[in-house]
Amino acid sequence: ATDDNTGALVWASALPGETIFHGTGSYPTCGVIKGRAQVIFPGGDGWIYSLEPKTGKLLWKFNANPPGAKYILGPRGTANEIIGTPVIYDDKIYFGVGQDPEHGEGVGNFWVVDATQDGDVTEKGKVWHRGGNEFHRTISTVAIQDGIVYASDLSGFLLAMDAKTGDVYWKHDML
């Protein structure tokens, strides 16, 4: 992070460190959630991190790959990076996971995480999830309008889901 006025470095973070999969292909996002400013950083290790903007202190983290997922480039892999930019909406973080499209289609996951907690929120922070045959790998940033989440995946599907419950309103094959 840099000082707004001088451009001087204020703090730096080495997250995710040596655990990075293939690369970090996403941008962080910033926002205020229940009065607490946060920098939401999607690590190239399949975890999403929340940092305090003034100090870089870790507030919370979430593992976006289910237990037992294995990182293998290509369609056999079940673990992925976060490539699309996370979106803050209604004190929650909305995002999907994927791999570079040249590695092919595969199992993906779409997550909604409660961003008001602290520590490792992998279990307690999950609000809802779509994965397996419901959602494939993605590199896209979602759009949210009027309580509806619009998310696309690398298999050519566009989904409209209820932002609160995750109920799927519709799923269109765009290919």
N, C-alpha and C. Protein backbone atom coordinates (compact mmCIF):
# COMPACT_ATOMS: atom_id res chain seq x y z
N ALA A 1 0.85 -1.17 0.00
CA ALA A 1 0.00 0.00 0.00
C ALA A 1 0.89 1.23 0.00
N THR A 2 0.43 2.26 -0.66
CA THR A 2 1.21 3.49 -0.74
C THR A 2 0.42 4.66 -0.15
N ASP A 3 1.15 5.68 0.25
CA ASP A 3 0.56 6.91 0.76
C ASP A 3 -0.10 7.66 -0.40
N ASP A 4 -1.36 8.09 -0.22
CA ASP A 4 -2.10 8.79 -1.27
C ASP A 4 -1.40 10.05 -1.75
N ASN A 5 -0.75 10.76 -0.83
CA ASN A 5 -0.17 12.06 -1.17
C ASN A 5 1.24 11.98 -1.71
N THR A 6 2.05 11.07 -1.14
CA THR A 6 3.47 11.04 -1.51
C THR A 6 3.84 9.87 -2.41
N GLY A 7 3.02 8.83 -2.41
CA GLY A 7 3.35 7.63 -3.17
C GLY A 7 4.33 6.72 -2.45
N ALA A 8 4.73 7.11 -1.24
CA ALA A 8 5.69 6.31 -0.46
C ALA A 8 5.03 5.01 0.00
N LEU A 9 5.83 3.97 0.05
CA LEU A 9 5.36 2.67 0.51
C LEU A 9 5.00 2.75 1.99
N VAL A 10 3.78 2.31 2.34
CA VAL A 10 3.32 2.29 3.72
C VAL A 10 3.48 0.90 4.30
N TRP A 11 3.09 -0.11 3.55
CA TRP A 11 3.26 -1.49 3.96
C TRP A 11 3.25 -2.39 2.73
N ALA A 12 3.75 -3.61 2.89
CA ALA A 12 3.77 -4.60 1.80
C ALA A 12 3.44 -5.96 2.40
N SER A 13 2.92 -6.84 1.58
CA SER A 13 2.58 -8.19 2.01
C SER A 13 3.14 -9.18 1.01
N ALA A 14 3.62 -10.29 1.50
CA ALA A 14 4.14 -11.35 0.63
C ALA A 14 3.12 -12.47 0.41
N LEU A 15 1.86 -12.24 0.80
CA LEU A 15 0.82 -13.25 0.59
C LEU A 15 0.68 -13.54 -0.90
N PRO A 16 0.51 -14.75 -1.33
CA PRO A 16 0.40 -15.97 -0.54
C PRO A 16 1.73 -16.68 -0.29
N GLY A 17 2.82 -16.08 -0.67
CA GLY A 17 4.13 -16.68 -0.41
C GLY A 17 4.42 -17.85 -1.32
N GLU A 18 5.03 -18.87 -0.78
CA GLU A 18 5.47 -20.04 -1.55
C GLU A 18 4.34 -20.97 -1.96
N THR A 19 3.14 -20.76 -1.45
CA THR A 19 2.03 -21.66 -1.73
C THR A 19 1.28 -21.31 -3.02
N ILE A 20 1.77 -20.33 -3.77
CA ILE A 20 1.09 -19.91 -5.00
C ILE A 20 1.04 -21.08 -5.99
N PHE A 21 -0.09 -21.24 -6.67
CA PHE A 21 -0.28 -22.33 -7.63
C PHE A 21 0.44 -22.03 -8.95
N HIS A 22 -0.18 -21.24 -9.78
CA HIS A 22 0.31 -20.98 -11.13
C HIS A 22 0.56 -19.50 -11.37
N GLY A 23 -0.08 -18.67 -10.57
CA GLY A 23 0.06 -17.23 -10.68
C GLY A 23 -1.07 -16.53 -9.96
N THR A 24 -0.94 -15.23 -9.82
CA THR A 24 -2.01 -14.42 -9.25
C THR A 24 -2.55 -13.57 -10.38
N GLY A 25 -3.78 -13.85 -10.79
CA GLY A 25 -4.33 -13.20 -11.96
C GLY A 25 -5.46 -12.24 -11.67
N SER A 26 -5.67 -11.89 -10.42
CA SER A 26 -6.80 -11.05 -10.05
C SER A 26 -6.34 -9.76 -9.41
N TYR A 27 -7.24 -8.81 -9.39
CA TYR A 27 -7.00 -7.55 -8.70
C TYR A 27 -7.67 -7.57 -7.34
N PRO A 28 -7.09 -6.89 -6.36
CA PRO A 28 -7.80 -6.76 -5.09
C PRO A 28 -8.95 -5.77 -5.23
N THR A 29 -9.84 -5.80 -4.28
CA THR A 29 -10.93 -4.84 -4.23
C THR A 29 -10.96 -4.25 -2.82
N CYS A 30 -11.46 -3.05 -2.69
CA CYS A 30 -11.50 -2.37 -1.40
C CYS A 30 -12.92 -1.93 -1.09
N GLY A 31 -13.26 -1.91 0.19
CA GLY A 31 -14.57 -1.45 0.59
C GLY A 31 -14.69 -1.36 2.09
N VAL A 32 -15.80 -0.84 2.55
CA VAL A 32 -16.10 -0.74 3.97
C VAL A 32 -17.25 -1.69 4.25
N ILE A 33 -17.00 -2.62 5.16
CA ILE A 33 -17.97 -3.65 5.49
C ILE A 33 -18.30 -3.54 6.97
N LYS A 34 -19.55 -3.21 7.27
CA LYS A 34 -19.99 -2.97 8.67
C LYS A 34 -19.04 -2.01 9.38
N GLY A 35 -18.68 -0.92 8.69
CA GLY A 35 -17.85 0.11 9.29
C GLY A 35 -16.36 -0.18 9.30
N ARG A 36 -15.94 -1.33 8.80
CA ARG A 36 -14.52 -1.70 8.82
C ARG A 36 -13.99 -1.72 7.39
N ALA A 37 -13.01 -0.86 7.11
CA ALA A 37 -12.38 -0.84 5.79
C ALA A 37 -11.58 -2.13 5.60
N GLN A 38 -11.65 -2.67 4.36
CA GLN A 38 -10.93 -3.90 4.06
C GLN A 38 -10.38 -3.86 2.64
N VAL A 39 -9.21 -4.46 2.47
CA VAL A 39 -8.67 -4.76 1.14
C VAL A 39 -8.85 -6.26 0.97
N ILE A 40 -9.62 -6.65 -0.03
CA ILE A 40 -9.88 -8.06 -0.29
C ILE A 40 -8.91 -8.50 -1.38
N PHE A 41 -7.98 -9.38 -1.00
CA PHE A 41 -6.92 -9.82 -1.90
C PHE A 41 -7.11 -11.29 -2.27
N PRO A 42 -7.33 -11.58 -3.56
CA PRO A 42 -7.44 -12.97 -4.01
C PRO A 42 -6.05 -13.54 -4.29
N GLY A 43 -5.61 -14.42 -3.44
CA GLY A 43 -4.27 -14.99 -3.60
C GLY A 43 -4.22 -16.04 -4.70
N GLY A 44 -3.06 -16.23 -5.25
CA GLY A 44 -2.85 -17.23 -6.28
C GLY A 44 -2.75 -18.63 -5.72
N ASP A 45 -3.10 -18.80 -4.45
CA ASP A 45 -3.06 -20.10 -3.78
C ASP A 45 -4.46 -20.64 -3.53
N GLY A 46 -5.48 -19.98 -4.10
CA GLY A 46 -6.85 -20.42 -3.90
C GLY A 46 -7.49 -19.90 -2.63
N TRP A 47 -6.80 -19.06 -1.88
CA TRP A 47 -7.35 -18.43 -0.69
C TRP A 47 -7.67 -16.98 -1.02
N ILE A 48 -8.66 -16.43 -0.33
CA ILE A 48 -8.97 -15.00 -0.42
C ILE A 48 -8.66 -14.42 0.96
N TYR A 49 -7.98 -13.27 0.96
CA TYR A 49 -7.52 -12.65 2.19
C TYR A 49 -8.13 -11.26 2.36
N SER A 50 -8.43 -10.88 3.60
CA SER A 50 -8.87 -9.53 3.92
C SER A 50 -7.78 -8.87 4.76
N LEU A 51 -7.35 -7.70 4.30
CA LEU A 51 -6.28 -6.97 4.99
C LEU A 51 -6.79 -5.61 5.44
N GLU A 52 -6.27 -5.15 6.57
CA GLU A 52 -6.58 -3.81 7.07
C GLU A 52 -5.81 -2.82 6.20
N PRO A 53 -6.49 -1.87 5.55
CA PRO A 53 -5.84 -1.00 4.58
C PRO A 53 -4.69 -0.14 5.12
N LYS A 54 -4.76 0.30 6.36
CA LYS A 54 -3.72 1.19 6.89
C LYS A 54 -2.47 0.47 7.32
N THR A 55 -2.61 -0.81 7.72
CA THR A 55 -1.46 -1.53 8.29
C THR A 55 -1.08 -2.79 7.52
N GLY A 56 -2.00 -3.35 6.75
CA GLY A 56 -1.75 -4.62 6.07
C GLY A 56 -2.00 -5.82 6.95
N LYS A 57 -2.48 -5.60 8.18
CA LYS A 57 -2.76 -6.70 9.10
C LYS A 57 -3.84 -7.61 8.51
N LEU A 58 -3.63 -8.93 8.61
CA LEU A 58 -4.60 -9.90 8.14
C LEU A 58 -5.82 -9.87 9.04
N LEU A 59 -7.01 -9.64 8.46
CA LEU A 59 -8.25 -9.65 9.22
C LEU A 59 -8.91 -11.02 9.17
N TRP A 60 -9.02 -11.58 7.96
CA TRP A 60 -9.60 -12.90 7.79
C TRP A 60 -9.09 -13.53 6.50
N LYS A 61 -9.28 -14.85 6.39
CA LYS A 61 -8.92 -15.57 5.17
C LYS A 61 -9.92 -16.69 4.95
N PHE A 62 -10.06 -17.10 3.66
CA PHE A 62 -11.04 -18.12 3.28
C PHE A 62 -10.44 -18.99 2.19
N ASN A 63 -10.48 -20.32 2.38
CA ASN A 63 -9.99 -21.26 1.38
C ASN A 63 -11.10 -21.54 0.36
N ALA A 64 -10.88 -21.14 -0.88
CA ALA A 64 -11.91 -21.27 -1.93
C ALA A 64 -11.87 -22.62 -2.64
N ASN A 65 -11.09 -23.55 -2.13
CA ASN A 65 -11.06 -24.91 -2.68
C ASN A 65 -11.51 -25.89 -1.62
N PRO A 66 -12.45 -26.78 -1.97
CA PRO A 66 -12.95 -27.74 -0.99
C PRO A 66 -11.85 -28.66 -0.48
N PRO A 67 -12.04 -29.25 0.70
CA PRO A 67 -11.05 -30.19 1.23
C PRO A 67 -10.77 -31.31 0.22
N GLY A 68 -9.53 -31.66 0.09
CA GLY A 68 -9.13 -32.74 -0.82
C GLY A 68 -8.91 -32.32 -2.26
N ALA A 69 -9.20 -31.05 -2.60
CA ALA A 69 -9.00 -30.58 -3.98
C ALA A 69 -7.51 -30.60 -4.30
N LYS A 70 -7.18 -31.01 -5.52
CA LYS A 70 -5.79 -31.12 -5.97
C LYS A 70 -5.55 -30.14 -7.11
N TYR A 71 -4.43 -29.40 -7.02
CA TYR A 71 -4.10 -28.47 -8.08
C TYR A 71 -3.30 -29.19 -9.16
N ILE A 72 -3.93 -29.40 -10.30
CA ILE A 72 -3.32 -29.99 -11.48
C ILE A 72 -3.75 -29.12 -12.65
N LEU A 73 -2.82 -28.61 -13.42
CA LEU A 73 -3.20 -27.82 -14.58
C LEU A 73 -3.98 -28.70 -15.55
N GLY A 74 -5.08 -28.18 -16.03
CA GLY A 74 -5.91 -28.94 -16.96
C GLY A 74 -7.18 -29.44 -16.32
N PRO A 75 -7.96 -30.19 -17.11
CA PRO A 75 -9.30 -30.59 -16.66
C PRO A 75 -9.33 -31.56 -15.48
N ARG A 76 -8.24 -32.27 -15.21
CA ARG A 76 -8.25 -33.22 -14.08
C ARG A 76 -8.11 -32.53 -12.72
N GLY A 77 -7.63 -31.28 -12.72
CA GLY A 77 -7.44 -30.57 -11.47
C GLY A 77 -8.76 -30.16 -10.83
N THR A 78 -8.82 -30.23 -9.51
CA THR A 78 -10.03 -29.85 -8.79
C THR A 78 -9.82 -28.62 -7.90
N ALA A 79 -8.58 -28.12 -7.84
CA ALA A 79 -8.28 -26.89 -7.11
C ALA A 79 -7.98 -25.79 -8.13
N ASN A 80 -8.34 -24.57 -7.80
CA ASN A 80 -8.23 -23.44 -8.72
C ASN A 80 -7.76 -22.18 -8.02
N GLU A 81 -7.34 -21.21 -8.84
CA GLU A 81 -7.02 -19.88 -8.34
C GLU A 81 -8.26 -19.00 -8.42
N ILE A 82 -8.16 -17.83 -7.83
CA ILE A 82 -9.20 -16.81 -7.95
C ILE A 82 -8.69 -15.83 -9.00
N ILE A 83 -9.34 -15.79 -10.16
CA ILE A 83 -8.87 -14.96 -11.26
C ILE A 83 -9.74 -13.72 -11.43
N GLY A 84 -11.06 -13.84 -11.29
CA GLY A 84 -11.94 -12.69 -11.36
C GLY A 84 -11.82 -11.85 -10.09
N THR A 85 -12.07 -10.56 -10.21
CA THR A 85 -12.01 -9.67 -9.05
C THR A 85 -13.19 -9.93 -8.12
N PRO A 86 -12.95 -10.11 -6.83
CA PRO A 86 -14.05 -10.30 -5.88
C PRO A 86 -14.94 -9.06 -5.83
N VAL A 87 -16.23 -9.27 -5.60
CA VAL A 87 -17.20 -8.18 -5.54
C VAL A 87 -17.79 -8.11 -4.13
N ILE A 88 -17.82 -6.90 -3.58
CA ILE A 88 -18.43 -6.67 -2.26
C ILE A 88 -19.88 -6.25 -2.47
N TYR A 89 -20.78 -6.95 -1.78
CA TYR A 89 -22.20 -6.62 -1.86
C TYR A 89 -22.87 -7.07 -0.57
N ASP A 90 -23.57 -6.18 0.08
CA ASP A 90 -24.34 -6.51 1.29
C ASP A 90 -23.48 -7.18 2.36
N ASP A 91 -22.28 -6.63 2.60
CA ASP A 91 -21.34 -7.13 3.61
C ASP A 91 -20.82 -8.54 3.33
N LYS A 92 -20.87 -8.93 2.07
CA LYS A 92 -20.38 -10.24 1.67
C LYS A 92 -19.46 -10.10 0.46
N ILE A 93 -18.66 -11.14 0.24
CA ILE A 93 -17.75 -11.19 -0.89
C ILE A 93 -18.25 -12.27 -1.84
N TYR A 94 -18.40 -11.92 -3.12
CA TYR A 94 -18.89 -12.83 -4.17
C TYR A 94 -17.75 -13.06 -5.16
N PHE A 95 -17.45 -14.34 -5.44
CA PHE A 95 -16.37 -14.64 -6.39
C PHE A 95 -16.40 -16.11 -6.81
N GLY A 96 -15.80 -16.37 -7.96
CA GLY A 96 -15.64 -17.73 -8.45
C GLY A 96 -14.17 -18.04 -8.63
N VAL A 97 -13.86 -19.31 -8.86
CA VAL A 97 -12.47 -19.74 -9.05
C VAL A 97 -12.32 -20.43 -10.40
N GLY A 98 -11.09 -20.46 -10.90
CA GLY A 98 -10.83 -21.11 -12.18
C GLY A 98 -9.35 -21.24 -12.45
N GLN A 99 -9.04 -21.61 -13.68
CA GLN A 99 -7.67 -21.66 -14.18
C GLN A 99 -7.64 -20.92 -15.51
N ASP A 100 -6.45 -20.63 -15.97
CA ASP A 100 -6.28 -20.00 -17.27
C ASP A 100 -7.07 -20.81 -18.29
N PRO A 101 -7.86 -20.16 -19.17
CA PRO A 101 -8.69 -20.89 -20.14
C PRO A 101 -7.90 -21.86 -21.02
N GLU A 102 -6.63 -21.60 -21.26
CA GLU A 102 -5.87 -22.54 -22.10
C GLU A 102 -5.64 -23.88 -21.43
N HIS A 103 -5.95 -23.97 -20.13
CA HIS A 103 -5.83 -25.25 -19.42
C HIS A 103 -7.12 -26.06 -19.47
N GLY A 104 -8.14 -25.51 -20.10
CA GLY A 104 -9.37 -26.27 -20.32
C GLY A 104 -10.43 -26.07 -19.26
N GLU A 105 -11.57 -26.67 -19.54
CA GLU A 105 -12.69 -26.63 -18.61
C GLU A 105 -12.41 -27.56 -17.44
N GLY A 106 -13.16 -27.37 -16.38
CA GLY A 106 -13.00 -28.24 -15.22
C GLY A 106 -13.92 -27.83 -14.10
N VAL A 107 -13.78 -28.52 -12.99
CA VAL A 107 -14.59 -28.26 -11.81
C VAL A 107 -14.26 -26.87 -11.27
N GLY A 108 -15.29 -26.10 -10.99
CA GLY A 108 -15.10 -24.78 -10.40
C GLY A 108 -15.98 -24.63 -9.18
N ASN A 109 -15.85 -23.49 -8.54
CA ASN A 109 -16.65 -23.19 -7.37
C ASN A 109 -16.99 -21.72 -7.36
N PHE A 110 -18.20 -21.41 -6.92
CA PHE A 110 -18.62 -20.04 -6.73
C PHE A 110 -18.98 -19.88 -5.27
N TRP A 111 -18.43 -18.85 -4.64
CA TRP A 111 -18.58 -18.68 -3.20
C TRP A 111 -19.17 -17.32 -2.84
N VAL A 112 -19.88 -17.31 -1.73
CA VAL A 112 -20.31 -16.07 -1.08
C VAL A 112 -19.84 -16.19 0.37
N VAL A 113 -19.06 -15.20 0.81
CA VAL A 113 -18.41 -15.25 2.12
C VAL A 113 -18.83 -14.05 2.96
N ASP A 114 -19.17 -14.31 4.21
CA ASP A 114 -19.47 -13.26 5.18
C ASP A 114 -18.16 -12.57 5.53
N ALA A 115 -18.05 -11.27 5.24
CA ALA A 115 -16.81 -10.53 5.42
C ALA A 115 -16.78 -9.76 6.74
N THR A 116 -17.62 -10.14 7.70
CA THR A 116 -17.68 -9.41 8.97
C THR A 116 -16.95 -10.12 10.10
N GLN A 117 -16.36 -11.28 9.83
CA GLN A 117 -15.73 -12.08 10.88
C GLN A 117 -14.21 -11.93 10.84
N ASP A 118 -13.53 -12.63 11.73
CA ASP A 118 -12.07 -12.58 11.82
C ASP A 118 -11.48 -13.98 11.80
N GLY A 119 -10.20 -14.06 11.44
CA GLY A 119 -9.48 -15.32 11.46
C GLY A 119 -9.74 -16.15 10.21
N ASP A 120 -9.55 -17.47 10.34
CA ASP A 120 -9.82 -18.39 9.25
C ASP A 120 -11.34 -18.62 9.22
N VAL A 121 -12.00 -18.07 8.20
CA VAL A 121 -13.46 -18.15 8.12
C VAL A 121 -13.93 -19.19 7.10
N THR A 122 -13.05 -20.13 6.74
CA THR A 122 -13.38 -21.12 5.73
C THR A 122 -14.67 -21.86 6.07
N GLU A 123 -14.88 -22.22 7.30
CA GLU A 123 -16.09 -22.94 7.69
C GLU A 123 -17.20 -21.99 8.13
N LYS A 124 -16.89 -21.08 9.02
CA LYS A 124 -17.93 -20.23 9.61
C LYS A 124 -18.35 -19.06 8.71
N GLY A 125 -17.56 -18.74 7.69
CA GLY A 125 -17.87 -17.59 6.85
C GLY A 125 -18.63 -17.90 5.59
N LYS A 126 -18.77 -19.18 5.25
CA LYS A 126 -19.47 -19.54 4.02
C LYS A 126 -20.95 -19.24 4.15
N VAL A 127 -21.46 -18.39 3.25
CA VAL A 127 -22.89 -18.07 3.23
C VAL A 127 -23.62 -19.03 2.30
N TRP A 128 -23.12 -19.16 1.06
CA TRP A 128 -23.61 -20.18 0.14
C TRP A 128 -22.55 -20.46 -0.91
N HIS A 129 -22.76 -21.57 -1.63
CA HIS A 129 -21.75 -22.08 -2.55
C HIS A 129 -22.41 -22.81 -3.70
N ARG A 130 -21.85 -22.70 -4.89
CA ARG A 130 -22.24 -23.51 -6.04
C ARG A 130 -20.96 -24.14 -6.60
N GLY A 131 -21.01 -25.42 -6.90
CA GLY A 131 -19.84 -26.11 -7.42
C GLY A 131 -20.23 -27.37 -8.14
N GLY A 132 -19.22 -28.18 -8.47
CA GLY A 132 -19.48 -29.44 -9.17
C GLY A 132 -20.12 -29.20 -10.52
N ASN A 133 -21.25 -29.85 -10.77
CA ASN A 133 -21.94 -29.69 -12.06
C ASN A 133 -22.75 -28.40 -12.13
N GLU A 134 -22.91 -27.71 -11.00
CA GLU A 134 -23.68 -26.47 -10.98
C GLU A 134 -22.88 -25.27 -11.47
N PHE A 135 -21.57 -25.31 -11.26
CA PHE A 135 -20.74 -24.17 -11.64
C PHE A 135 -19.36 -24.69 -12.02
N HIS A 136 -18.86 -24.24 -13.17
CA HIS A 136 -17.57 -24.67 -13.66
C HIS A 136 -16.53 -23.58 -13.44
N ARG A 137 -15.32 -23.82 -13.86
CA ARG A 137 -14.27 -22.82 -13.71
C ARG A 137 -14.68 -21.50 -14.33
N THR A 138 -14.20 -20.41 -13.72
CA THR A 138 -14.47 -19.09 -14.25
C THR A 138 -13.25 -18.19 -14.08
N ILE A 139 -13.14 -17.22 -14.95
CA ILE A 139 -12.13 -16.18 -14.81
C ILE A 139 -12.82 -14.82 -14.72
N SER A 140 -14.13 -14.82 -14.67
CA SER A 140 -14.93 -13.60 -14.74
C SER A 140 -15.23 -13.00 -13.38
N THR A 141 -15.38 -11.68 -13.39
CA THR A 141 -15.88 -10.94 -12.25
C THR A 141 -17.41 -10.94 -12.36
N VAL A 142 -18.10 -11.18 -11.26
CA VAL A 142 -19.56 -11.21 -11.30
C VAL A 142 -20.13 -9.80 -11.34
N ALA A 143 -21.40 -9.71 -11.73
CA ALA A 143 -22.16 -8.47 -11.65
C ALA A 143 -23.34 -8.73 -10.74
N ILE A 144 -23.69 -7.75 -9.92
CA ILE A 144 -24.83 -7.88 -9.01
C ILE A 144 -25.71 -6.65 -9.18
N GLN A 145 -26.99 -6.90 -9.44
CA GLN A 145 -27.96 -5.82 -9.62
C GLN A 145 -29.28 -6.25 -9.03
N ASP A 146 -29.88 -5.41 -8.21
CA ASP A 146 -31.20 -5.67 -7.63
C ASP A 146 -31.29 -7.04 -6.96
N GLY A 147 -30.23 -7.42 -6.24
CA GLY A 147 -30.24 -8.69 -5.52
C GLY A 147 -30.04 -9.93 -6.36
N ILE A 148 -29.65 -9.74 -7.63
CA ILE A 148 -29.40 -10.88 -8.52
C ILE A 148 -27.92 -10.89 -8.90
N VAL A 149 -27.28 -12.06 -8.72
CA VAL A 149 -25.88 -12.24 -9.09
C VAL A 149 -25.84 -12.85 -10.49
N TYR A 150 -25.08 -12.24 -11.39
CA TYR A 150 -24.88 -12.76 -12.74
C TYR A 150 -23.45 -13.25 -12.83
N ALA A 151 -23.28 -14.54 -13.12
CA ALA A 151 -21.96 -15.14 -13.16
C ALA A 151 -21.84 -16.06 -14.38
N SER A 152 -20.70 -15.96 -15.05
CA SER A 152 -20.46 -16.82 -16.21
C SER A 152 -19.32 -17.78 -15.90
N ASP A 153 -19.31 -18.91 -16.62
CA ASP A 153 -18.21 -19.85 -16.43
C ASP A 153 -17.57 -20.21 -17.77
N LEU A 154 -16.44 -20.90 -17.71
CA LEU A 154 -15.68 -21.23 -18.92
C LEU A 154 -16.36 -22.28 -19.79
N SER A 155 -17.39 -22.93 -19.27
CA SER A 155 -18.13 -23.90 -20.07
C SER A 155 -19.22 -23.24 -20.90
N GLY A 156 -19.32 -21.91 -20.82
CA GLY A 156 -20.26 -21.17 -21.65
C GLY A 156 -21.61 -20.91 -21.03
N PHE A 157 -21.73 -21.09 -19.72
CA PHE A 157 -23.01 -20.86 -19.06
C PHE A 157 -23.03 -19.50 -18.37
N LEU A 158 -24.19 -18.87 -18.39
CA LEU A 158 -24.44 -17.64 -17.65
C LEU A 158 -25.55 -17.96 -16.66
N LEU A 159 -25.31 -17.70 -15.38
CA LEU A 159 -26.28 -17.98 -14.34
C LEU A 159 -26.78 -16.69 -13.71
N ALA A 160 -28.04 -16.69 -13.33
CA ALA A 160 -28.63 -15.62 -12.52
C ALA A 160 -29.05 -16.27 -11.21
N MET A 161 -28.48 -15.78 -10.10
CA MET A 161 -28.72 -16.39 -8.79
C MET A 161 -29.17 -15.35 -7.78
N ASP A 162 -29.99 -15.75 -6.84
CA ASP A 162 -30.42 -14.87 -5.76
C ASP A 162 -29.21 -14.58 -4.88
N ALA A 163 -28.90 -13.30 -4.66
CA ALA A 163 -27.71 -12.92 -3.90
C ALA A 163 -27.75 -13.39 -2.46
N LYS A 164 -28.92 -13.51 -1.87
CA LYS A 164 -29.03 -13.92 -0.47
C LYS A 164 -28.99 -15.42 -0.29
N THR A 165 -29.66 -16.15 -1.17
CA THR A 165 -29.84 -17.60 -0.96
C THR A 165 -29.01 -18.48 -1.91
N GLY A 166 -28.63 -17.93 -3.05
CA GLY A 166 -27.94 -18.73 -4.05
C GLY A 166 -28.86 -19.51 -4.96
N ASP A 167 -30.17 -19.38 -4.74
CA ASP A 167 -31.12 -20.07 -5.62
C ASP A 167 -30.89 -19.60 -7.06
N VAL A 168 -30.88 -20.57 -7.98
CA VAL A 168 -30.65 -20.25 -9.39
C VAL A 168 -31.98 -19.89 -10.05
N TYR A 169 -32.05 -18.66 -10.56
CA TYR A 169 -33.25 -18.22 -11.29
C TYR A 169 -33.25 -18.82 -12.69
N TRP A 170 -32.09 -18.76 -13.34
CA TRP A 170 -31.95 -19.36 -14.66
C TRP A 170 -30.48 -19.61 -14.95
N LYS A 171 -30.28 -20.53 -15.93
CA LYS A 171 -28.94 -20.87 -16.39
C LYS A 171 -29.02 -21.02 -17.90
N HIS A 172 -28.31 -20.17 -18.64
CA HIS A 172 -28.35 -20.20 -20.11
C HIS A 172 -27.02 -20.70 -20.66
N ASP A 173 -27.12 -21.57 -21.65
CA ASP A 173 -25.96 -22.03 -22.40
C ASP A 173 -25.68 -20.98 -23.46
N MET A 174 -24.55 -20.29 -23.35
CA MET A 174 -24.24 -19.18 -24.26
C MET A 174 -23.46 -19.64 -25.50
N LEU A 175 -23.18 -20.91 -25.59
CA LEU A 175 -22.40 -21.40 -26.76
C LEU A 175 -23.30 -21.82 -27.89
